[in-house]
C-alpha atoms as a PDB file:
ATOM      1  CA  PRO A   1     -32.425  14.674  22.459  1.00  0.00           C
ATOM      2  CA  TYR A   2     -33.799  14.788  18.948  1.00  0.00           C
ATOM      3  CA  TRP A   3     -37.264  14.628  19.678  1.00  0.00           C
ATOM      4  CA  ILE A   4     -36.718  12.179  22.450  1.00  0.00           C
ATOM      5  CA  ASP A   5     -37.911  12.960  25.662  1.00  0.00           C
ATOM      6  CA  THR A   6     -35.465  12.470  28.723  1.00  0.00           C
ATOM      7  CA  SER A   7     -36.266  12.313  31.855  1.00  0.00           C
ATOM      8  CA  VAL A   8     -33.467  11.622  34.863  1.00  0.00           C
ATOM      9  CA  GLN A   9     -34.543  11.302  38.600  1.00  0.00           C
ATOM     10  CA  LEU A  10     -31.601  10.691  40.919  1.00  0.00           C
ATOM     11  CA  ARG A  11     -32.972  10.380  45.098  1.00  0.00           C
ATOM     12  CA  LEU A  12     -31.063   9.622  47.669  1.00  0.00           C
ATOM     13  CA  ALA A  13     -32.159   8.491  51.221  1.00  0.00           C
ATOM     14  CA  GLU A  14     -30.665   7.883  54.353  1.00  0.00           C
ATOM     15  CA  GLN A  15     -29.265   4.568  54.626  1.00  0.00           C
ATOM     16  CA  GLY A  16     -28.229   4.226  51.267  1.00  0.00           C
ATOM     17  CA  HIS A  17     -30.959   3.360  49.654  1.00  0.00           C
ATOM     18  CA  HIS A  18     -30.358   5.548  46.609  1.00  0.00           C
ATOM     19  CA  ALA A  19     -32.622   5.359  43.013  1.00  0.00           C
ATOM     20  CA  LEU A  20     -31.395   6.225  40.042  1.00  0.00           C
ATOM     21  CA  GLN A  21     -35.078   6.074  37.498  1.00  0.00           C
ATOM     22  CA  VAL A  22     -34.420   7.254  33.554  1.00  0.00           C
ATOM     23  CA  GLU A  23     -37.679   7.597  30.932  1.00  0.00           C
ATOM     24  CA  LEU A  24     -37.189   7.584  27.982  1.00  0.00           C
ATOM     25  CA  ALA A  25     -39.908   9.387  25.307  1.00  0.00           C
ATOM     26  CA  HIS A  26     -40.675   9.843  21.307  1.00  0.00           C
ATOM     27  CA  ASP A  27     -44.036  10.313  20.151  1.00  0.00           C
ATOM     28  CA  LEU A  28     -44.739   9.466  16.243  1.00  0.00           C
ATOM     29  CA  GLN A  29     -47.200  11.417  14.151  1.00  0.00           C
ATOM     30  CA  LEU A  30     -48.296   8.355  11.571  1.00  0.00           C
ATOM     31  CA  THR A  31     -51.292  10.041  10.144  1.00  0.00           C
ATOM     32  CA  ARG A  32     -53.241  13.481  11.070  1.00  0.00           C
ATOM     33  CA  ARG A  33     -55.016  11.619  13.979  1.00  0.00           C
ATOM     34  CA  PHE A  34     -52.672   8.359  14.737  1.00  0.00           C
ATOM     35  CA  LYS A  35     -49.865   8.707  17.089  1.00  0.00           C
ATOM     36  CA  LEU A  36     -47.620   5.629  18.515  1.00  0.00           C
ATOM     37  CA  SER A  37     -46.096   7.037  21.605  1.00  0.00           C
ATOM     38  CA  ASN A  38     -43.367   4.845  23.140  1.00  0.00           C
ATOM     39  CA  GLN A  39     -41.757   5.211  26.203  1.00  0.00           C
ATOM     40  CA  LEU A  40     -38.531   2.844  28.089  1.00  0.00           C
ATOM     41  CA  GLU A  41     -37.747   3.481  32.200  1.00  0.00           C
ATOM     42  CA  THR A  42     -35.681   1.906  33.754  1.00  0.00           C
ATOM     43  CA  ARG A  43     -34.835   1.861  38.133  1.00  0.00           C
ATOM     44  CA  VAL A  44     -31.298   0.828  39.304  1.00  0.00           C
ATOM     45  CA  TYR A  45     -30.983   1.230  43.166  1.00  0.00           C
ATOM     46  CA  GLY A  46     -27.763   1.220  45.270  1.00  0.00           C
ATOM     47  CA  LYS A  47     -28.569  -1.007  47.780  1.00  0.00           C
ATOM     48  CA  ALA A  48     -31.117  -3.548  48.048  1.00  0.00           C
ATOM     49  CA  ASP A  49     -34.436  -3.342  49.770  1.00  0.00           C
ATOM     50  CA  LEU A  50     -35.970  -6.364  50.705  1.00  0.00           C
ATOM     51  CA  ILE A  51     -39.577  -5.418  52.074  1.00  0.00           C
ATOM     52  CA  ALA A  52     -39.723  -3.712  48.566  1.00  0.00           C
ATOM     53  CA  GLN A  53     -38.100  -6.725  46.490  1.00  0.00           C
ATOM     54  CA  GLN A  54     -35.806  -4.381  44.903  1.00  0.00           C
ATOM     55  CA  GLY A  55     -32.423  -5.306  45.013  1.00  0.00           C
ATOM     56  CA  ALA A  56     -29.182  -3.335  44.385  1.00  0.00           C
ATOM     57  CA  GLY A  57     -28.031  -2.234  40.951  1.00  0.00           C
ATOM     58  CA  LEU A  58     -30.302  -2.707  37.035  1.00  0.00           C
ATOM     59  CA  SER A  59     -33.485  -3.781  38.765  1.00  0.00           C
ATOM     60  CA  ASN A  60     -35.587  -3.455  36.246  1.00  0.00           C
ATOM     61  CA  MET A  61     -36.507  -1.806  33.000  1.00  0.00           C
ATOM     62  CA  GLU A  62     -40.383  -1.200  31.335  1.00  0.00           C
ATOM     63  CA  LEU A  63     -41.856  -0.676  27.176  1.00  0.00           C
ATOM     64  CA  THR A  64     -44.512   0.625  26.588  1.00  0.00           C
ATOM     65  CA  SER A  65     -46.142   1.406  23.208  1.00  0.00           C
ATOM     66  CA  ARG A  66     -49.267   2.618  22.468  1.00  0.00           C
ATOM     67  CA  LEU A  67     -51.120   3.364  19.467  1.00  0.00           C
ATOM     68  CA  SER A  68     -53.753   6.096  20.273  1.00  0.00           C
ATOM     69  CA  TYR A  69     -56.759   7.994  17.742  1.00  0.00           C
ATOM     70  CA  GLN A  70     -57.664  11.494  18.137  1.00  0.00           C
ATOM     71  CA  ILE A  71     -61.479  12.231  17.872  1.00  0.00           C
ATOM     72  CA  ASN A  72     -60.422  15.623  19.542  1.00  0.00           C
ATOM     73  CA  PRO A  73     -57.820  18.125  20.269  1.00  0.00           C
ATOM     74  CA  GLN A  74     -59.620  17.098  23.859  1.00  0.00           C
ATOM     75  CA  LEU A  75     -60.346  13.087  23.724  1.00  0.00           C
ATOM     76  CA  MET A  76     -58.165  10.468  22.809  1.00  0.00           C
ATOM     77  CA  PRO A  77     -58.578   6.538  23.052  1.00  0.00           C
ATOM     78  CA  TYR A  78     -56.018   4.507  22.857  1.00  0.00           C
ATOM     79  CA  ILE A  79     -54.686   0.673  22.851  1.00  0.00           C
ATOM     80  CA  GLY A  80     -51.236  -0.529  23.582  1.00  0.00           C
ATOM     81  CA  VAL A  81     -49.194  -2.989  25.175  1.00  0.00           C
ATOM     82  CA  ARG A  82     -46.056  -3.005  28.511  1.00  0.00           C
ATOM     83  CA  GLY A  83     -43.882  -4.831  29.011  1.00  0.00           C
ATOM     84  CA  GLN A  84     -41.249  -5.702  32.424  1.00  0.00           C
ATOM     85  CA  ARG A  85     -38.275  -7.334  32.770  1.00  0.00           C
ATOM     86  CA  PHE A  86     -36.739  -7.346  36.368  1.00  0.00           C
ATOM     87  CA  PHE A  87     -32.700  -7.884  36.958  1.00  0.00           C
ATOM     88  CA  ALA A  88     -30.127  -9.289  38.788  1.00  0.00           C
ATOM     89  CA  GLU A  89     -31.072  -9.569  42.413  1.00  0.00           C
ATOM     90  CA  THR A  90     -34.435  -8.271  41.853  1.00  0.00           C
ATOM     91  CA  ALA A  91     -35.724 -11.392  39.724  1.00  0.00           C
ATOM     92  CA  ARG A  92     -34.607 -13.236  42.800  1.00  0.00           C
ATOM     93  CA  LEU A  93     -36.201 -11.457  45.179  1.00  0.00           C
ATOM     94  CA  LYS A  94     -39.296 -10.912  42.620  1.00  0.00           C
ATOM     95  CA  GLN A  95     -39.342 -15.133  41.776  1.00  0.00           C
ATOM     96  CA  GLN A  96     -39.438 -15.773  45.448  1.00  0.00           C
ATOM     97  CA  ALA A  97     -41.924 -13.701  46.406  1.00  0.00           C
ATOM     98  CA  GLY A  98     -43.987 -15.918  43.192  1.00  0.00           C
ATOM     99  CA  ARG A  99     -43.486 -13.376  40.401  1.00  0.00           C
ATOM    100  CA  ALA A 100     -41.868 -13.854  37.023  1.00  0.00           C
ATOM    101  CA  ARG A 101     -38.745 -12.452  36.136  1.00  0.00           C
ATOM    102  CA  GLN A 102     -41.102 -10.658  33.269  1.00  0.00           C
ATOM    103  CA  ASP A 103     -44.664 -10.061  32.616  1.00  0.00           C
ATOM    104  CA  SER A 104     -46.316  -8.016  29.643  1.00  0.00           C
ATOM    105  CA  GLN A 105     -49.758  -6.178  29.840  1.00  0.00           C
ATOM    106  CA  LEU A 106     -52.207  -4.877  26.990  1.00  0.00           C
ATOM    107  CA  ILE A 107     -53.334  -1.498  28.066  1.00  0.00           C
ATOM    108  CA  VAL A 108     -56.671   0.156  27.326  1.00  0.00           C
ATOM    109  CA  GLY A 109     -57.912   3.564  27.501  1.00  0.00           C
ATOM    110  CA  LEU A 110     -58.824   7.744  27.324  1.00  0.00           C
ATOM    111  CA  SER A 111     -56.320  10.466  27.075  1.00  0.00           C
ATOM    112  CA  PHE A 112     -59.072  13.457  27.148  1.00  0.00           C
ATOM    113  CA  TRP A 113     -57.920  17.260  28.499  1.00  0.00           C
ATOM    114  CA  PHE A 114     -60.446  20.176  29.573  1.00  0.00           C
END
């Protein structure tokens, strides 16, 4: 709704390993060449999966923000940051495996099409 791209996916699997994934994305044209893209993604699982280190309920949330510069319509380099946080049982499983409850990454890339 209102310039926010929304994607909802429901995955049904055997033995109760259901998953709900929600993505929200918004692009903001700052100038003629600069664009700021934001994306929020969250996952909820119906049953814990110890092999995949995913707990039941709200599992994780990821926020990505990218600033891109349009060299021409087919070529746009970008730089951004991605942050992820694990919740509840998933956070506990990740910590037992030696991972942090949250992490962030610097992302750099090139978007192109032909």
